[in-house]
Amino acid sequence: MSGDLRSRRRAATNRRIYEVAMQLFEEQGFDQVSVGEIASRAGVSVPTFYAHFPSKDRIVLQAADHGEIRQLLDGAGPATSVTEHVERVIRLWLEAFEEGDARAELLRQWRLVGDTRSLQMRASEIERDAASVVVEHLEYVRCDRTSLAVQLTVFTLFAASTQILMRWANEDGRRPLAEVCDHVMGVLRSLRTDPV
């Protein structure tokens, strides 16, 4: 079997597992669906499932891509502050999901996250991992990673990015992601001067 045919078959199997799993999650709830049930419905073995997805939650939420984060940081252009730089990176990342299939898939995934506590916890882990990559990167770009202010700023902005996605999905994607981002970031800016 040629490498090209093998990769097409692998991609088709991956997509079938994904679609079956998402349908089951939407019908029964994420926590009620087992890996065995997904594999059976998709017509694959449990080991084949794990060859495509390291865990059930990775069907809905992908791990932070460290290389992609660094590329976004490098491509975000000059900024006057860490806040501006990181906020620009978050906006660039969200822009990739503003239209078409990517938007529909993101909305589908984050609806599930909004309904599932275990997925919300996983989203928080991914958020912290991504923020850590940014803090490490900023050490070389503009600041000392041990600075408490920098760490608090970056981790808070990434927590805000999760809130953007949660609120957007909770509204069923009726507003553009950029508009929800403006709202959440605006609230965050107001907290720096206004007591809660």
Protein backbone atom coordinates (compact mmCIF):
# COMPACT_ATOMS: atom_id res chain seq x y z
CA MET A 1 0.00 0.00 0.00
CA SER A 2 1.42 3.38 -0.98
CA GLY A 3 2.12 5.99 1.68
CA ASP A 4 -0.42 8.35 0.13
CA LEU A 5 -3.20 5.75 0.25
CA ARG A 6 -2.24 4.83 3.81
CA SER A 7 -2.43 8.44 4.93
CA ARG A 8 -5.79 8.94 3.23
CA ARG A 9 -7.17 5.86 4.97
CA ARG A 10 -5.77 7.01 8.30
CA ALA A 11 -7.35 10.46 7.83
CA ALA A 12 -10.69 8.87 6.90
CA THR A 13 -10.59 6.63 9.99
CA ASN A 14 -9.68 9.58 12.20
CA ARG A 15 -12.59 11.60 10.81
CA ARG A 16 -15.02 8.70 11.24
CA ILE A 17 -14.01 8.24 14.88
CA TYR A 18 -14.34 12.00 15.45
CA GLU A 19 -17.81 12.24 13.88
CA VAL A 20 -19.15 9.17 15.67
CA ALA A 21 -17.78 10.39 19.01
CA MET A 22 -19.16 13.92 18.62
CA GLN A 23 -22.59 12.57 17.71
CA LEU A 24 -22.58 10.27 20.75
CA PHE A 25 -21.42 13.11 23.03
CA GLU A 26 -24.19 15.37 21.74
CA GLU A 27 -26.84 12.66 22.14
CA GLN A 28 -25.80 11.16 25.49
CA GLY A 29 -23.43 13.66 27.12
CA PHE A 30 -19.64 13.48 27.12
CA ASP A 31 -19.26 11.71 30.47
CA GLN A 32 -21.81 9.00 29.60
CA VAL A 33 -19.97 7.80 26.49
CA SER A 34 -17.13 5.26 26.78
CA VAL A 35 -14.17 4.79 24.47
CA GLY A 36 -15.41 1.24 23.85
CA GLU A 37 -18.77 2.56 22.64
CA ILE A 38 -17.09 5.08 20.32
CA ALA A 39 -14.79 2.41 18.88
CA SER A 40 -17.65 -0.05 18.36
CA ARG A 41 -19.87 2.51 16.61
CA ALA A 42 -16.95 3.68 14.44
CA GLY A 43 -16.12 0.09 13.46
CA VAL A 44 -12.61 0.11 14.95
CA SER A 45 -10.88 -1.59 17.85
CA VAL A 46 -10.13 0.22 21.11
CA PRO A 47 -6.36 0.13 20.34
CA THR A 48 -7.14 1.75 16.96
CA PHE A 49 -9.09 4.48 18.76
CA TYR A 50 -6.05 5.18 20.95
CA ALA A 51 -3.79 5.20 17.88
CA HIS A 52 -5.82 8.20 16.69
CA PHE A 53 -6.74 9.94 19.94
CA PRO A 54 -4.72 9.64 23.17
CA SER A 55 -7.86 10.16 25.26
CA LYS A 56 -11.59 10.77 24.90
CA ASP A 57 -11.30 14.46 25.77
CA ARG A 58 -8.77 15.02 22.98
CA ILE A 59 -11.58 14.47 20.49
CA VAL A 60 -13.19 17.69 21.71
CA LEU A 61 -10.17 19.67 22.92
CA GLN A 62 -6.75 19.51 21.31
CA ALA A 63 -3.56 20.11 23.27
CA ALA A 64 -1.89 23.47 22.81
CA ASP A 65 0.39 23.44 19.77
CA HIS A 66 3.58 25.00 21.15
CA GLY A 67 5.05 25.62 17.70
CA GLU A 68 1.88 27.39 16.53
CA ILE A 69 1.87 29.56 19.65
CA ARG A 70 5.49 30.59 19.07
CA GLN A 71 4.73 31.39 15.42
CA LEU A 72 1.81 33.59 16.45
CA LEU A 73 4.00 35.35 19.01
CA ASP A 74 6.70 35.99 16.41
CA GLY A 75 4.18 37.13 13.81
CA ALA A 76 2.13 39.40 16.06
CA GLY A 77 4.39 42.38 15.39
CA PRO A 78 5.74 44.97 17.79
CA ALA A 79 3.72 45.88 20.86
CA THR A 80 4.06 48.48 23.59
CA SER A 81 3.34 46.02 26.40
CA VAL A 82 3.07 42.34 27.24
CA THR A 83 -0.70 42.80 27.52
CA GLU A 84 -0.95 44.21 24.00
CA HIS A 85 1.34 41.53 22.58
CA VAL A 86 -0.53 38.58 24.12
CA GLU A 87 -3.96 40.02 23.39
CA ARG A 88 -2.92 40.40 19.74
CA VAL A 89 -1.84 36.74 19.67
CA ILE A 90 -5.20 35.64 21.09
CA ARG A 91 -7.04 37.71 18.49
CA LEU A 92 -4.91 36.27 15.65
CA TRP A 93 -5.69 32.75 16.86
CA LEU A 94 -9.43 33.46 17.08
CA GLU A 95 -9.45 34.96 13.56
CA ALA A 96 -8.64 31.52 12.14
CA PHE A 97 -12.08 30.34 13.30
CA GLU A 98 -14.23 33.22 12.12
CA GLU A 99 -15.68 31.52 9.04
CA GLY A 100 -16.73 28.24 7.47
CA ASP A 101 -16.11 24.72 8.69
CA ALA A 102 -13.52 25.73 11.29
CA ARG A 103 -16.05 28.04 12.96
CA ALA A 104 -18.78 25.38 12.93
CA GLU A 105 -16.45 22.76 14.44
CA LEU A 106 -15.19 25.14 17.13
CA LEU A 107 -18.77 26.02 18.07
CA ARG A 108 -19.76 22.35 18.20
CA GLN A 109 -16.79 21.55 20.45
CA TRP A 110 -17.26 24.49 22.82
CA ARG A 111 -20.97 23.79 23.22
CA LEU A 112 -19.89 20.44 24.66
CA VAL A 113 -17.28 22.12 26.85
CA GLY A 114 -19.93 24.48 28.20
CA ASP A 115 -22.11 21.51 29.17
CA THR A 116 -19.36 19.32 30.66
CA ARG A 117 -17.43 20.05 33.85
CA SER A 118 -14.67 17.55 33.07
CA LEU A 119 -14.05 19.22 29.69
CA GLN A 120 -13.97 22.64 31.37
CA MET A 121 -11.23 21.34 33.65
CA ARG A 122 -9.32 20.02 30.63
CA ALA A 123 -9.74 23.39 28.88
CA SER A 124 -8.19 25.07 31.93
CA GLU A 125 -5.19 22.73 31.73
CA ILE A 126 -4.71 23.53 28.04
CA GLU A 127 -5.06 27.24 28.78
CA ARG A 128 -2.34 27.05 31.48
CA ASP A 129 -0.04 25.06 29.20
CA ALA A 130 -0.41 27.63 26.42
CA ALA A 131 0.20 30.50 28.86
CA SER A 132 3.37 28.79 30.10
CA VAL A 133 4.70 28.61 26.53
CA VAL A 134 4.05 32.34 26.13
CA VAL A 135 5.77 33.23 29.41
CA GLU A 136 8.83 31.20 28.41
CA HIS A 137 8.88 32.82 24.96
CA LEU A 138 8.61 36.32 26.38
CA GLU A 139 11.78 35.72 28.40
CA TYR A 140 13.71 35.88 25.15
CA VAL A 141 11.66 38.62 23.55
CA ARG A 142 11.12 41.37 26.07
CA CYS A 143 11.09 40.45 29.74
CA ASP A 144 12.19 38.25 32.61
CA ARG A 145 9.90 35.22 32.94
CA THR A 146 10.24 35.31 36.71
CA SER A 147 8.43 38.63 36.82
CA LEU A 148 5.21 38.09 38.77
CA ALA A 149 3.45 40.88 36.86
CA VAL A 150 4.23 39.25 33.51
CA GLN A 151 3.10 35.82 34.67
CA LEU A 152 -0.13 37.18 36.14
CA THR A 153 -0.83 39.15 32.97
CA VAL A 154 -0.28 36.23 30.61
CA PHE A 155 -2.21 33.69 32.67
CA THR A 156 -5.10 36.12 33.14
CA LEU A 157 -5.30 36.83 29.41
CA PHE A 158 -5.39 33.13 28.62
CA ALA A 159 -8.12 32.63 31.21
CA ALA A 160 -9.99 35.39 29.38
CA SER A 161 -9.54 33.52 26.08
CA THR A 162 -11.35 30.52 27.58
CA GLN A 163 -14.14 32.82 28.74
CA ILE A 164 -14.41 34.24 25.21
CA LEU A 165 -15.00 30.77 23.77
CA MET A 166 -17.37 29.72 26.57
CA ARG A 167 -19.51 32.85 26.22
CA TRP A 168 -19.51 32.69 22.42
CA ALA A 169 -20.67 29.05 22.47
CA ASN A 170 -23.23 29.79 25.20
CA GLU A 171 -24.73 32.40 22.85
CA ASP A 172 -24.74 29.74 20.10
CA GLY A 173 -22.18 31.71 18.10
CA ARG A 174 -24.62 34.50 17.29
CA ARG A 175 -21.96 37.20 17.69
CA PRO A 176 -18.62 37.17 15.86
CA LEU A 177 -15.75 35.86 17.99
CA ALA A 178 -14.00 39.21 17.60
CA GLU A 179 -16.97 41.00 19.15
CA VAL A 180 -17.08 38.62 22.11
CA CYS A 181 -13.32 39.07 22.46
CA ASP A 182 -13.72 42.87 22.54
CA HIS A 183 -16.34 42.55 25.27
CA VAL A 184 -14.36 40.16 27.49
CA MET A 185 -11.09 42.07 27.07
CA GLY A 186 -12.93 45.31 27.82
CA VAL A 187 -14.26 43.90 31.08
CA LEU A 188 -10.75 42.70 31.95
CA ARG A 189 -9.30 46.17 31.31
CA SER A 190 -11.98 47.75 33.51
CA LEU A 191 -10.99 45.47 36.41
CA ARG A 192 -7.56 47.03 36.50
CA THR A 193 -9.05 50.32 37.61
CA ASP A 194 -12.48 49.50 39.03
CA PRO A 195 -12.95 47.58 42.28
CA VAL A 196 -15.09 44.45 41.92
